Each structure stands twice: as C-alpha cells, then as structure tokens.
Amino acid sequence: MNTLAIKMEIPQIVNVSVTDDTLTVELSDGRTISVPTAWYPRLVHATPQEREKWKVIGKGHGIHWESLDEDISVENLLAGRPSGESLASFKKWVENRKRSITKRCT
C-alpha cells in the first residue's frame, strides 16, 4: 500500500487582533482565521492592552504574547486546535498573575 505525503505550505501571519470574543489572524495567502478567545484562556483573562502586545515568532508562523506567556501557531489555528494547556497549569498561571497584580498595587 502506498501513501501520498502532501507537503502543506503554512502561510505567514500578517496581522492579529483580539476582542473579548474572537482571535482573528490575517494570513499571507489572503485567508483570515477567526476562533473564539475561549480556546485560549490566557487571552480571555488578559486586558485589552495585553492582547494588543503580540509579536510574530517562528519565521512568521506563530504569535507570542510576552506578558501572558502565550504562544499560538498558525498550524494549530488552521487545524482547529484550541489551547492544549492543562487545567493545573492554567490555575498556576492565574494564581501567579493574581500575586503579581497584588504586588503592583501595594
């Protein structure tokens, strides 16, 4: 039995926008992908200012939010894969975030 391997060309990120409900990514091949921010809990918990501070990584194939320690790849967006972060990891991140905010306010 023969299998056919298809090499998929992953487009690069052109622009990113995040609202309370939607992560929208414009790609170099003309497509625009929109997914619910609920797929990425760290984006849900981010402020609008934090959501705006993203940068392209991985030769244009990923997005990184430094203050949120969040990375999202074009490949996962195209495949319809939400965040794979465990609940335990997310809870730890939330607790560390609360402590950091409390320190800044005191």
PDB file of N, CA and C in Angstrom:
ATOM      1  N   MET A   1       0.841  -1.179   0.000  1.00  0.00           N
ATOM      2  CA  MET A   1       0.000   0.000   0.000  1.00  0.00           C
ATOM      3  C   MET A   1       0.884   1.239   0.000  1.00  0.00           C
ATOM      4  N   ASN A   2       0.575   2.154  -0.872  1.00  0.00           N
ATOM      5  CA  ASN A   2       1.308   3.406  -0.964  1.00  0.00           C
ATOM      6  C   ASN A   2       0.519   4.516  -0.285  1.00  0.00           C
ATOM      7  N   THR A   3       1.261   5.415   0.322  1.00  0.00           N
ATOM      8  CA  THR A   3       0.614   6.596   0.891  1.00  0.00           C
ATOM      9  C   THR A   3       1.184   7.822   0.208  1.00  0.00           C
ATOM     10  N   LEU A   4       0.364   8.795   0.059  1.00  0.00           N
ATOM     11  CA  LEU A   4       0.771  10.033  -0.578  1.00  0.00           C
ATOM     12  C   LEU A   4       1.024  11.080   0.495  1.00  0.00           C
ATOM     13  N   ALA A   5       2.225  11.573   0.534  1.00  0.00           N
ATOM     14  CA  ALA A   5       2.565  12.620   1.500  1.00  0.00           C
ATOM     15  C   ALA A   5       2.372  13.972   0.828  1.00  0.00           C
ATOM     16  N   ILE A   6       1.572  14.781   1.433  1.00  0.00           N
ATOM     17  CA  ILE A   6       1.317  16.118   0.896  1.00  0.00           C
ATOM     18  C   ILE A   6       2.046  17.126   1.765  1.00  0.00           C
ATOM     19  N   LYS A   7       2.883  17.911   1.129  1.00  0.00           N
ATOM     20  CA  LYS A   7       3.588  18.953   1.869  1.00  0.00           C
ATOM     21  C   LYS A   7       2.705  20.191   1.889  1.00  0.00           C
ATOM     22  N   MET A   8       2.326  20.586   3.079  1.00  0.00           N
ATOM     23  CA  MET A   8       1.455  21.750   3.222  1.00  0.00           C
ATOM     24  C   MET A   8       2.304  22.978   3.521  1.00  0.00           C
ATOM     25  N   GLU A   9       2.115  23.998   2.740  1.00  0.00           N
ATOM     26  CA  GLU A   9       2.809  25.266   2.946  1.00  0.00           C
ATOM     27  C   GLU A   9       2.022  26.083   3.968  1.00  0.00           C
ATOM     28  N   ILE A  10       2.653  26.417   5.076  1.00  0.00           N
ATOM     29  CA  ILE A  10       1.989  27.188   6.130  1.00  0.00           C
ATOM     30  C   ILE A  10       2.179  28.679   5.833  1.00  0.00           C
ATOM     31  N   PRO A  11       1.077  29.425   5.677  1.00  0.00           N
ATOM     32  CA  PRO A  11       1.202  30.862   5.415  1.00  0.00           C
ATOM     33  C   PRO A  11       1.723  31.604   6.644  1.00  0.00           C
ATOM     34  N   GLN A  12       2.215  32.799   6.399  1.00  0.00           N
ATOM     35  CA  GLN A  12       2.733  33.631   7.482  1.00  0.00           C
ATOM     36  C   GLN A  12       1.644  34.569   8.003  1.00  0.00           C
ATOM     37  N   ILE A  13       1.862  35.020   9.217  1.00  0.00           N
ATOM     38  CA  ILE A  13       0.940  35.949   9.868  1.00  0.00           C
ATOM     39  C   ILE A  13       1.194  37.358   9.346  1.00  0.00           C
ATOM     40  N   VAL A  14       0.113  38.035   8.984  1.00  0.00           N
ATOM     41  CA  VAL A  14       0.190  39.415   8.520  1.00  0.00           C
ATOM     42  C   VAL A  14      -0.279  40.372   9.617  1.00  0.00           C
ATOM     43  N   ASN A  15      -1.369  39.984  10.308  1.00  0.00           N
ATOM     44  CA  ASN A  15      -1.912  40.843  11.358  1.00  0.00           C
ATOM     45  C   ASN A  15      -2.716  39.996  12.340  1.00  0.00           C
ATOM     46  N   VAL A  16      -2.845  40.504  13.561  1.00  0.00           N
ATOM     47  CA  VAL A  16      -3.574  39.811  14.627  1.00  0.00           C
ATOM     48  C   VAL A  16      -4.441  40.830  15.349  1.00  0.00           C
ATOM     49  N   SER A  17      -5.664  40.420  15.684  1.00  0.00           N
ATOM     50  CA  SER A  17      -6.496  41.252  16.553  1.00  0.00           C
ATOM     51  C   SER A  17      -7.260  40.334  17.503  1.00  0.00           C
ATOM     52  N   VAL A  18      -7.462  40.834  18.713  1.00  0.00           N
ATOM     53  CA  VAL A  18      -8.148  40.054  19.742  1.00  0.00           C
ATOM     54  C   VAL A  18      -9.204  40.927  20.391  1.00  0.00           C
ATOM     55  N   THR A  19     -10.430  40.413  20.425  1.00  0.00           N
ATOM     56  CA  THR A  19     -11.513  41.078  21.147  1.00  0.00           C
ATOM     57  C   THR A  19     -11.877  40.193  22.338  1.00  0.00           C
ATOM     58  N   ASP A  20     -12.888  40.585  23.079  1.00  0.00           N
ATOM     59  CA  ASP A  20     -13.340  39.750  24.194  1.00  0.00           C
ATOM     60  C   ASP A  20     -13.796  38.377  23.717  1.00  0.00           C
ATOM     61  N   ASP A  21     -14.276  38.308  22.484  1.00  0.00           N
ATOM     62  CA  ASP A  21     -14.857  37.068  21.973  1.00  0.00           C
ATOM     63  C   ASP A  21     -14.048  36.329  20.916  1.00  0.00           C
ATOM     64  N   THR A  22     -13.189  37.045  20.179  1.00  0.00           N
ATOM     65  CA  THR A  22     -12.594  36.461  18.986  1.00  0.00           C
ATOM     66  C   THR A  22     -11.115  36.798  18.821  1.00  0.00           C
ATOM     67  N   LEU A  23     -10.337  35.772  18.430  1.00  0.00           N
ATOM     68  CA  LEU A  23      -8.964  35.950  17.971  1.00  0.00           C
ATOM     69  C   LEU A  23      -9.024  35.879  16.450  1.00  0.00           C
ATOM     70  N   THR A  24      -8.570  36.921  15.773  1.00  0.00           N
ATOM     71  CA  THR A  24      -8.584  36.966  14.316  1.00  0.00           C
ATOM     72  C   THR A  24      -7.162  37.131  13.813  1.00  0.00           C
ATOM     73  N   VAL A  25      -6.779  36.244  12.872  1.00  0.00           N
ATOM     74  CA  VAL A  25      -5.426  36.257  12.326  1.00  0.00           C
ATOM     75  C   VAL A  25      -5.519  36.350  10.807  1.00  0.00           C
ATOM     76  N   GLU A  26      -4.889  37.389  10.251  1.00  0.00           N
ATOM     77  CA  GLU A  26      -4.810  37.555   8.807  1.00  0.00           C
ATOM     78  C   GLU A  26      -3.530  36.885   8.325  1.00  0.00           C
ATOM     79  N   LEU A  27      -3.650  36.101   7.251  1.00  0.00           N
ATOM     80  CA  LEU A  27      -2.526  35.325   6.746  1.00  0.00           C
ATOM     81  C   LEU A  27      -2.033  35.839   5.395  1.00  0.00           C
ATOM     82  N   SER A  28      -0.791  35.504   5.075  1.00  0.00           N
ATOM     83  CA  SER A  28      -0.151  35.975   3.850  1.00  0.00           C
ATOM     84  C   SER A  28      -0.798  35.426   2.585  1.00  0.00           C
ATOM     85  N   ASP A  29      -1.563  34.349   2.675  1.00  0.00           N
ATOM     86  CA  ASP A  29      -2.222  33.791   1.490  1.00  0.00           C
ATOM     87  C   ASP A  29      -3.612  34.381   1.256  1.00  0.00           C
ATOM     88  N   GLY A  30      -3.973  35.406   2.049  1.00  0.00           N
ATOM     89  CA  GLY A  30      -5.251  36.083   1.873  1.00  0.00           C
ATOM     90  C   GLY A  30      -6.359  35.588   2.789  1.00  0.00           C
ATOM     91  N   ARG A  31      -6.137  34.477   3.460  1.00  0.00           N
ATOM     92  CA  ARG A  31      -7.165  33.975   4.380  1.00  0.00           C
ATOM     93  C   ARG A  31      -7.143  34.755   5.687  1.00  0.00           C
ATOM     94  N   THR A  32      -8.299  34.772   6.336  1.00  0.00           N
ATOM     95  CA  THR A  32      -8.435  35.305   7.682  1.00  0.00           C
ATOM     96  C   THR A  32      -9.069  34.208   8.525  1.00  0.00           C
ATOM     97  N   ILE A  33      -8.420  33.872   9.628  1.00  0.00           N
ATOM     98  CA  ILE A  33      -8.928  32.838  10.524  1.00  0.00           C
ATOM     99  C   ILE A  33      -9.436  33.519  11.779  1.00  0.00           C
ATOM    100  N   SER A  34     -10.645  33.175  12.195  1.00  0.00           N
ATOM    101  CA  SER A  34     -11.204  33.680  13.447  1.00  0.00           C
ATOM    102  C   SER A  34     -11.614  32.498  14.303  1.00  0.00           C
ATOM    103  N   VAL A  35     -11.179  32.529  15.553  1.00  0.00           N
ATOM    104  CA  VAL A  35     -11.536  31.481  16.508  1.00  0.00           C
ATOM    105  C   VAL A  35     -11.971  32.151  17.808  1.00  0.00           C
ATOM    106  N   PRO A  36     -12.739  31.443  18.629  1.00  0.00           N
ATOM    107  CA  PRO A  36     -13.164  32.042  19.907  1.00  0.00           C
ATOM    108  C   PRO A  36     -11.971  32.230  20.848  1.00  0.00           C
ATOM    109  N   THR A  37     -11.937  33.363  21.528  1.00  0.00           N
ATOM    110  CA  THR A  37     -10.880  33.555  22.521  1.00  0.00           C
ATOM    111  C   THR A  37     -10.999  32.521  23.638  1.00  0.00           C
ATOM    112  N   ALA A  38     -12.171  31.951  23.818  1.00  0.00           N
ATOM    113  CA  ALA A  38     -12.362  30.904  24.831  1.00  0.00           C
ATOM    114  C   ALA A  38     -11.436  29.719  24.593  1.00  0.00           C
ATOM    115  N   TRP A  39     -10.937  29.554  23.372  1.00  0.00           N
ATOM    116  CA  TRP A  39      -9.971  28.494  23.080  1.00  0.00           C
ATOM    117  C   TRP A  39      -8.640  28.751  23.782  1.00  0.00           C
ATOM    118  N   TYR A  40      -8.400  29.999  24.158  1.00  0.00           N
ATOM    119  CA  TYR A  40      -7.125  30.404  24.766  1.00  0.00           C
ATOM    120  C   TYR A  40      -7.409  31.184  26.045  1.00  0.00           C
ATOM    121  N   PRO A  41      -7.574  30.475  27.160  1.00  0.00           N
ATOM    122  CA  PRO A  41      -7.981  31.116  28.420  1.00  0.00           C
ATOM    123  C   PRO A  41      -7.101  32.285  28.857  1.00  0.00           C
ATOM    124  N   ARG A  42      -5.822  32.248  28.522  1.00  0.00           N
ATOM    125  CA  ARG A  42      -4.965  33.372  28.923  1.00  0.00           C
ATOM    126  C   ARG A  42      -5.388  34.652  28.194  1.00  0.00           C
ATOM    127  N   LEU A  43      -5.838  34.522  26.963  1.00  0.00           N
ATOM    128  CA  LEU A  43      -6.340  35.700  26.245  1.00  0.00           C
ATOM    129  C   LEU A  43      -7.646  36.195  26.853  1.00  0.00           C
ATOM    130  N   VAL A  44      -8.462  35.273  27.325  1.00  0.00           N
ATOM    131  CA  VAL A  44      -9.722  35.650  27.975  1.00  0.00           C
ATOM    132  C   VAL A  44      -9.436  36.494  29.212  1.00  0.00           C
ATOM    133  N   HIS A  45      -8.411  36.118  29.975  1.00  0.00           N
ATOM    134  CA  HIS A  45      -8.082  36.819  31.220  1.00  0.00           C
ATOM    135  C   HIS A  45      -7.192  38.049  31.013  1.00  0.00           C
ATOM    136  N   ALA A  46      -6.791  38.310  29.797  1.00  0.00           N
ATOM    137  CA  ALA A  46      -5.911  39.444  29.514  1.00  0.00           C
ATOM    138  C   ALA A  46      -6.688  40.751  29.421  1.00  0.00           C
ATOM    139  N   THR A  47      -5.990  41.820  29.675  1.00  0.00           N
ATOM    140  CA  THR A  47      -6.567  43.145  29.462  1.00  0.00           C
ATOM    141  C   THR A  47      -6.495  43.462  27.966  1.00  0.00           C
ATOM    142  N   PRO A  48      -7.293  44.410  27.506  1.00  0.00           N
ATOM    143  CA  PRO A  48      -7.184  44.804  26.099  1.00  0.00           C
ATOM    144  C   PRO A  48      -5.763  45.255  25.724  1.00  0.00           C
ATOM    145  N   GLN A  49      -5.087  45.923  26.651  1.00  0.00           N
ATOM    146  CA  GLN A  49      -3.722  46.375  26.389  1.00  0.00           C
ATOM    147  C   GLN A  49      -2.768  45.181  26.236  1.00  0.00           C
ATOM    148  N   GLU A  50      -2.934  44.163  27.070  1.00  0.00           N
ATOM    149  CA  GLU A  50      -2.089  42.972  26.956  1.00  0.00           C
ATOM    150  C   GLU A  50      -2.345  42.232  25.649  1.00  0.00           C
ATOM    151  N   ARG A  51      -3.580  42.173  25.235  1.00  0.00           N
ATOM    152  CA  ARG A  51      -3.931  41.482  23.990  1.00  0.00           C
ATOM    153  C   ARG A  51      -3.313  42.153  22.772  1.00  0.00           C
ATOM    154  N   GLU A  52      -3.134  43.461  22.848  1.00  0.00           N
ATOM    155  CA  GLU A  52      -2.561  44.214  21.724  1.00  0.00           C
ATOM    156  C   GLU A  52      -1.052  44.044  21.611  1.00  0.00           C
ATOM    157  N   LYS A  53      -0.396  43.583  22.663  1.00  0.00           N
ATOM    158  CA  LYS A  53       1.072  43.483  22.676  1.00  0.00           C
ATOM    159  C   LYS A  53       1.535  42.085  22.269  1.00  0.00           C
ATOM    160  N   TRP A  54       1.372  41.768  21.000  1.00  0.00           N
ATOM    161  CA  TRP A  54       1.784  40.487  20.449  1.00  0.00           C
ATOM    162  C   TRP A  54       2.943  40.714  19.495  1.00  0.00           C
ATOM    163  N   LYS A  55       3.658  39.632  19.218  1.00  0.00           N
ATOM    164  CA  LYS A  55       4.686  39.697  18.185  1.00  0.00           C
ATOM    165  C   LYS A  55       4.691  38.386  17.415  1.00  0.00           C
ATOM    166  N   VAL A  56       5.119  38.473  16.174  1.00  0.00           N
ATOM    167  CA  VAL A  56       5.212  37.303  15.313  1.00  0.00           C
ATOM    168  C   VAL A  56       6.516  36.575  15.640  1.00  0.00           C
ATOM    169  N   ILE A  57       6.424  35.255  15.756  1.00  0.00           N
ATOM    170  CA  ILE A  57       7.597  34.425  16.034  1.00  0.00           C
ATOM    171  C   ILE A  57       7.653  33.274  15.022  1.00  0.00           C
ATOM    172  N   GLY A  58       8.717  32.501  15.094  1.00  0.00           N
ATOM    173  CA  GLY A  58       8.818  31.294  14.269  1.00  0.00           C
ATOM    174  C   GLY A  58       8.748  31.555  12.786  1.00  0.00           C
ATOM    175  N   LYS A  59       9.517  32.538  12.311  1.00  0.00           N
ATOM    176  CA  LYS A  59       9.551  32.886  10.883  1.00  0.00           C
ATOM    177  C   LYS A  59       8.160  33.195  10.326  1.00  0.00           C
ATOM    178  N   GLY A  60       7.327  33.810  11.175  1.00  0.00           N
ATOM    179  CA  GLY A  60       6.005  34.245  10.740  1.00  0.00           C
ATOM    180  C   GLY A  60       4.900  33.241  10.951  1.00  0.00           C
ATOM    181  N   HIS A  61       5.216  32.123  11.615  1.00  0.00           N
ATOM    182  CA  HIS A  61       4.230  31.057  11.770  1.00  0.00           C
ATOM    183  C   HIS A  61       3.657  30.942  13.178  1.00  0.00           C
ATOM    184  N   GLY A  62       3.957  31.910  14.040  1.00  0.00           N
ATOM    185  CA  GLY A  62       3.432  31.870  15.397  1.00  0.00           C
ATOM    186  C   GLY A  62       3.221  33.264  15.947  1.00  0.00           C
ATOM    187  N   ILE A  63       2.435  33.320  17.013  1.00  0.00           N
ATOM    188  CA  ILE A  63       2.152  34.580  17.711  1.00  0.00           C
ATOM    189  C   ILE A  63       2.564  34.387  19.163  1.00  0.00           C
ATOM    190  N   HIS A  64       3.197  35.422  19.737  1.00  0.00           N
ATOM    191  CA  HIS A  64       3.629  35.351  21.132  1.00  0.00           C
ATOM    192  C   HIS A  64       3.166  36.601  21.868  1.00  0.00           C
ATOM    193  N   TRP A  65       2.604  36.377  23.069  1.00  0.00           N
ATOM    194  CA  TRP A  65       2.247  37.461  23.983  1.00  0.00           C
ATOM    195  C   TRP A  65       3.168  37.321  25.195  1.00  0.00           C
ATOM    196  N   GLU A  66       4.146  38.195  25.297  1.00  0.00           N
ATOM    197  CA  GLU A  66       5.160  38.118  26.362  1.00  0.00           C
ATOM    198  C   GLU A  66       4.533  38.177  27.751  1.00  0.00           C
ATOM    199  N   SER A  67       3.661  39.153  27.996  1.00  0.00           N
ATOM    200  CA  SER A  67       3.105  39.337  29.342  1.00  0.00           C
ATOM    201  C   SER A  67       2.164  38.205  29.749  1.00  0.00           C
ATOM    202  N   LEU A  68       1.668  37.444  28.770  1.00  0.00           N
ATOM    203  CA  LEU A  68       0.746  36.345  29.060  1.00  0.00           C
ATOM    204  C   LEU A  68       1.438  34.985  28.990  1.00  0.00           C
ATOM    205  N   ASP A  69       2.669  34.967  28.497  1.00  0.00           N
ATOM    206  CA  ASP A  69       3.398  33.723  28.247  1.00  0.00           C
ATOM    207  C   ASP A  69       2.541  32.778  27.394  1.00  0.00           C
ATOM    208  N   GLU A  70       1.985  33.339  26.322  1.00  0.00           N
ATOM    209  CA  GLU A  70       1.093  32.590  25.425  1.00  0.00           C
ATOM    210  C   GLU A  70       1.685  32.548  24.024  1.00  0.00           C
ATOM    211  N   ASP A  71       1.687  31.369  23.431  1.00  0.00           N
ATOM    212  CA  ASP A  71       2.141  31.168  22.055  1.00  0.00           C
ATOM    213  C   ASP A  71       1.066  30.395  21.295  1.00  0.00           C
ATOM    214  N   ILE A  72       0.759  30.855  20.085  1.00  0.00           N
ATOM    215  CA  ILE A  72      -0.234  30.191  19.241  1.00  0.00           C
ATOM    216  C   ILE A  72       0.361  30.071  17.842  1.00  0.00           C
ATOM    217  N   SER A  73       0.272  28.879  17.266  1.00  0.00           N
ATOM    218  CA  SER A  73       0.824  28.659  15.931  1.00  0.00           C
ATOM    219  C   SER A  73      -0.265  28.718  14.864  1.00  0.00           C
ATOM    220  N   VAL A  74       0.134  29.137  13.667  1.00  0.00           N
ATOM    221  CA  VAL A  74      -0.772  29.136  12.525  1.00  0.00           C
ATOM    222  C   VAL A  74      -1.232  27.713  12.248  1.00  0.00           C
ATOM    223  N   GLU A  75      -0.318  26.770  12.354  1.00  0.00           N
ATOM    224  CA  GLU A  75      -0.664  25.372  12.098  1.00  0.00           C
ATOM    225  C   GLU A  75      -1.816  24.902  12.985  1.00  0.00           C
ATOM    226  N   ASN A  76      -1.761  25.227  14.269  1.00  0.00           N
ATOM    227  CA  ASN A  76      -2.851  24.833  15.177  1.00  0.00           C
ATOM    228  C   ASN A  76      -4.147  25.572  14.862  1.00  0.00           C
ATOM    229  N   LEU A  77      -4.051  26.835  14.485  1.00  0.00           N
ATOM    230  CA  LEU A  77      -5.256  27.570  14.097  1.00  0.00           C
ATOM    231  C   LEU A  77      -5.903  26.936  12.864  1.00  0.00           C
ATOM    232  N   LEU A  78      -5.087  26.622  11.858  1.00  0.00           N
ATOM    233  CA  LEU A  78      -5.610  26.003  10.641  1.00  0.00           C
ATOM    234  C   LEU A  78      -6.220  24.636  10.910  1.00  0.00           C
ATOM    235  N   ALA A  79      -5.654  23.914  11.886  1.00  0.00           N
ATOM    236  CA  ALA A  79      -6.160  22.580  12.227  1.00  0.00           C
ATOM    237  C   ALA A  79      -7.347  22.636  13.183  1.00  0.00           C
ATOM    238  N   GLY A  80      -7.675  23.832  13.680  1.00  0.00           N
ATOM    239  CA  GLY A  80      -8.799  23.973  14.606  1.00  0.00           C
ATOM    240  C   GLY A  80      -8.503  23.438  15.993  1.00  0.00           C
ATOM    241  N   ARG A  81      -7.230  23.535  16.413  1.00  0.00           N
ATOM    242  CA  ARG A  81      -6.824  23.038  17.728  1.00  0.00           C
ATOM    243  C   ARG A  81      -6.794  24.174  18.755  1.00  0.00           C
ATOM    244  N   PRO A  82      -7.612  24.081  19.787  1.00  0.00           N
ATOM    245  CA  PRO A  82      -7.538  25.077  20.864  1.00  0.00           C
ATOM    246  C   PRO A  82      -6.316  24.826  21.743  1.00  0.00           C
ATOM    247  N   SER A  83      -6.136  25.651  22.732  1.00  0.00           N
ATOM    248  CA  SER A  83      -5.006  25.517  23.655  1.00  0.00           C
ATOM    249  C   SER A  83      -4.962  24.116  24.253  1.00  0.00           C
ATOM    250  N   GLY A  84      -3.774  23.592  24.363  1.00  0.00           N
ATOM    251  CA  GLY A  84      -3.595  22.279  24.973  1.00  0.00           C
ATOM    252  C   GLY A  84      -3.126  22.381  26.412  1.00  0.00           C
ATOM    253  N   GLU A  85      -3.172  23.583  26.982  1.00  0.00           N
ATOM    254  CA  GLU A  85      -2.696  23.781  28.347  1.00  0.00           C
ATOM    255  C   GLU A  85      -3.584  23.036  29.338  1.00  0.00           C
ATOM    256  N   SER A  86      -2.951  22.375  30.288  1.00  0.00           N
ATOM    257  CA  SER A  86      -3.710  21.635  31.307  1.00  0.00           C
ATOM    258  C   SER A  86      -4.376  22.605  32.278  1.00  0.00           C
ATOM    259  N   LEU A  87      -5.422  22.138  32.913  1.00  0.00           N
ATOM    260  CA  LEU A  87      -6.128  22.953  33.901  1.00  0.00           C
ATOM    261  C   LEU A  87      -5.199  23.322  35.056  1.00  0.00           C
ATOM    262  N   ALA A  88      -4.363  22.382  35.480  1.00  0.00           N
ATOM    263  CA  ALA A  88      -3.431  22.648  36.582  1.00  0.00           C
ATOM    264  C   ALA A  88      -2.453  23.768  36.211  1.00  0.00           C
ATOM    265  N   SER A  89      -1.934  23.727  34.996  1.00  0.00           N
ATOM    266  CA  SER A  89      -1.008  24.754  34.538  1.00  0.00           C
ATOM    267  C   SER A  89      -1.704  26.115  34.470  1.00  0.00           C
ATOM    268  N   PHE A  90      -2.916  26.125  33.946  1.00  0.00           N
ATOM    269  CA  PHE A  90      -3.652  27.380  33.840  1.00  0.00           C
ATOM    270  C   PHE A  90      -3.947  27.960  35.225  1.00  0.00           C
ATOM    271  N   LYS A  91      -4.372  27.112  36.159  1.00  0.00           N
ATOM    272  CA  LYS A  91      -4.652  27.592  37.518  1.00  0.00           C
ATOM    273  C   LYS A  91      -3.402  28.190  38.154  1.00  0.00           C
ATOM    274  N   LYS A  92      -2.261  27.561  37.945  1.00  0.00           N
ATOM    275  CA  LYS A  92      -0.998  28.076  38.480  1.00  0.00           C
ATOM    276  C   LYS A  92      -0.693  29.448  37.873  1.00  0.00           C
ATOM    277  N   TRP A  93      -0.915  29.584  36.558  1.00  0.00           N
ATOM    278  CA  TRP A  93      -0.697  30.862  35.893  1.00  0.00           C
ATOM    279  C   TRP A  93      -1.606  31.944  36.475  1.00  0.00           C
ATOM    280  N   VAL A  94      -2.886  31.616  36.708  1.00  0.00           N
ATOM    281  CA  VAL A  94      -3.844  32.578  37.267  1.00  0.00           C
ATOM    282  C   VAL A  94      -3.387  33.024  38.660  1.00  0.00           C
ATOM    283  N   GLU A  95      -2.967  32.073  39.490  1.00  0.00           N
ATOM    284  CA  GLU A  95      -2.504  32.414  40.846  1.00  0.00           C
ATOM    285  C   GLU A  95      -1.275  33.314  40.802  1.00  0.00           C
ATOM    286  N   ASN A  96      -0.320  32.998  39.942  1.00  0.00           N
ATOM    287  CA  ASN A  96       0.879  33.838  39.805  1.00  0.00           C
ATOM    288  C   ASN A  96       0.512  35.229  39.305  1.00  0.00           C
ATOM    289  N   ARG A  97      -0.446  35.295  38.426  1.00  0.00           N
ATOM    290  CA  ARG A  97      -0.912  36.579  37.891  1.00  0.00           C
ATOM    291  C   ARG A  97      -1.549  37.414  39.001  1.00  0.00           C
ATOM    292  N   LYS A  98      -2.377  36.785  39.833  1.00  0.00           N
ATOM    293  CA  LYS A  98      -3.014  37.497  40.941  1.00  0.00           C
ATOM    294  C   LYS A  98      -1.960  38.055  41.892  1.00  0.00           C
ATOM    295  N   ARG A  99      -0.956  37.227  42.198  1.00  0.00           N
ATOM    296  CA  ARG A  99       0.115  37.684  43.110  1.00  0.00           C
ATOM    297  C   ARG A  99       0.877  38.866  42.505  1.00  0.00           C
ATOM    298  N   SER A 100       1.142  38.785  41.230  1.00  0.00           N
ATOM    299  CA  SER A 100       1.874  39.855  40.550  1.00  0.00           C
ATOM    300  C   SER A 100       1.073  41.150  40.572  1.00  0.00           C
ATOM    301  N   ILE A 101      -0.223  41.067  40.319  1.00  0.00           N
ATOM    302  CA  ILE A 101      -1.074  42.260  40.335  1.00  0.00           C
ATOM    303  C   ILE A 101      -1.163  42.838  41.740  1.00  0.00           C
ATOM    304  N   THR A 102      -1.279  41.983  42.744  1.00  0.00           N
ATOM    305  CA  THR A 102      -1.341  42.436  44.138  1.00  0.00           C
ATOM    306  C   THR A 102      -0.072  43.171  44.517  1.00  0.00           C
ATOM    307  N   LYS A 103       1.091  42.660  44.108  1.00  0.00           N
ATOM    308  CA  LYS A 103       2.374  43.326  44.406  1.00  0.00           C
ATOM    309  C   LYS A 103       2.456  44.701  43.769  1.00  0.00           C
ATOM    310  N   ARG A 104       1.946  44.816  42.535  1.00  0.00           N
ATOM    311  CA  ARG A 104       1.998  46.110  41.840  1.00  0.00           C
ATOM    312  C   ARG A 104       1.092  47.136  42.488  1.00  0.00           C
ATOM    313  N   CYS A 105       0.008  46.675  43.122  1.00  0.00           N
ATOM    314  CA  CYS A 105      -0.979  47.584  43.709  1.00  0.00           C
ATOM    315  C   CYS A 105      -0.614  48.006  45.134  1.00  0.00           C
ATOM    316  N   THR A 106       0.358  47.339  45.758  1.00  0.00           N
ATOM    317  CA  THR A 106       0.708  47.688  47.136  1.00  0.00           C
ATOM    318  C   THR A 106       1.990  48.466  47.221  1.00  0.00           C
TER     319      THR A 106
END
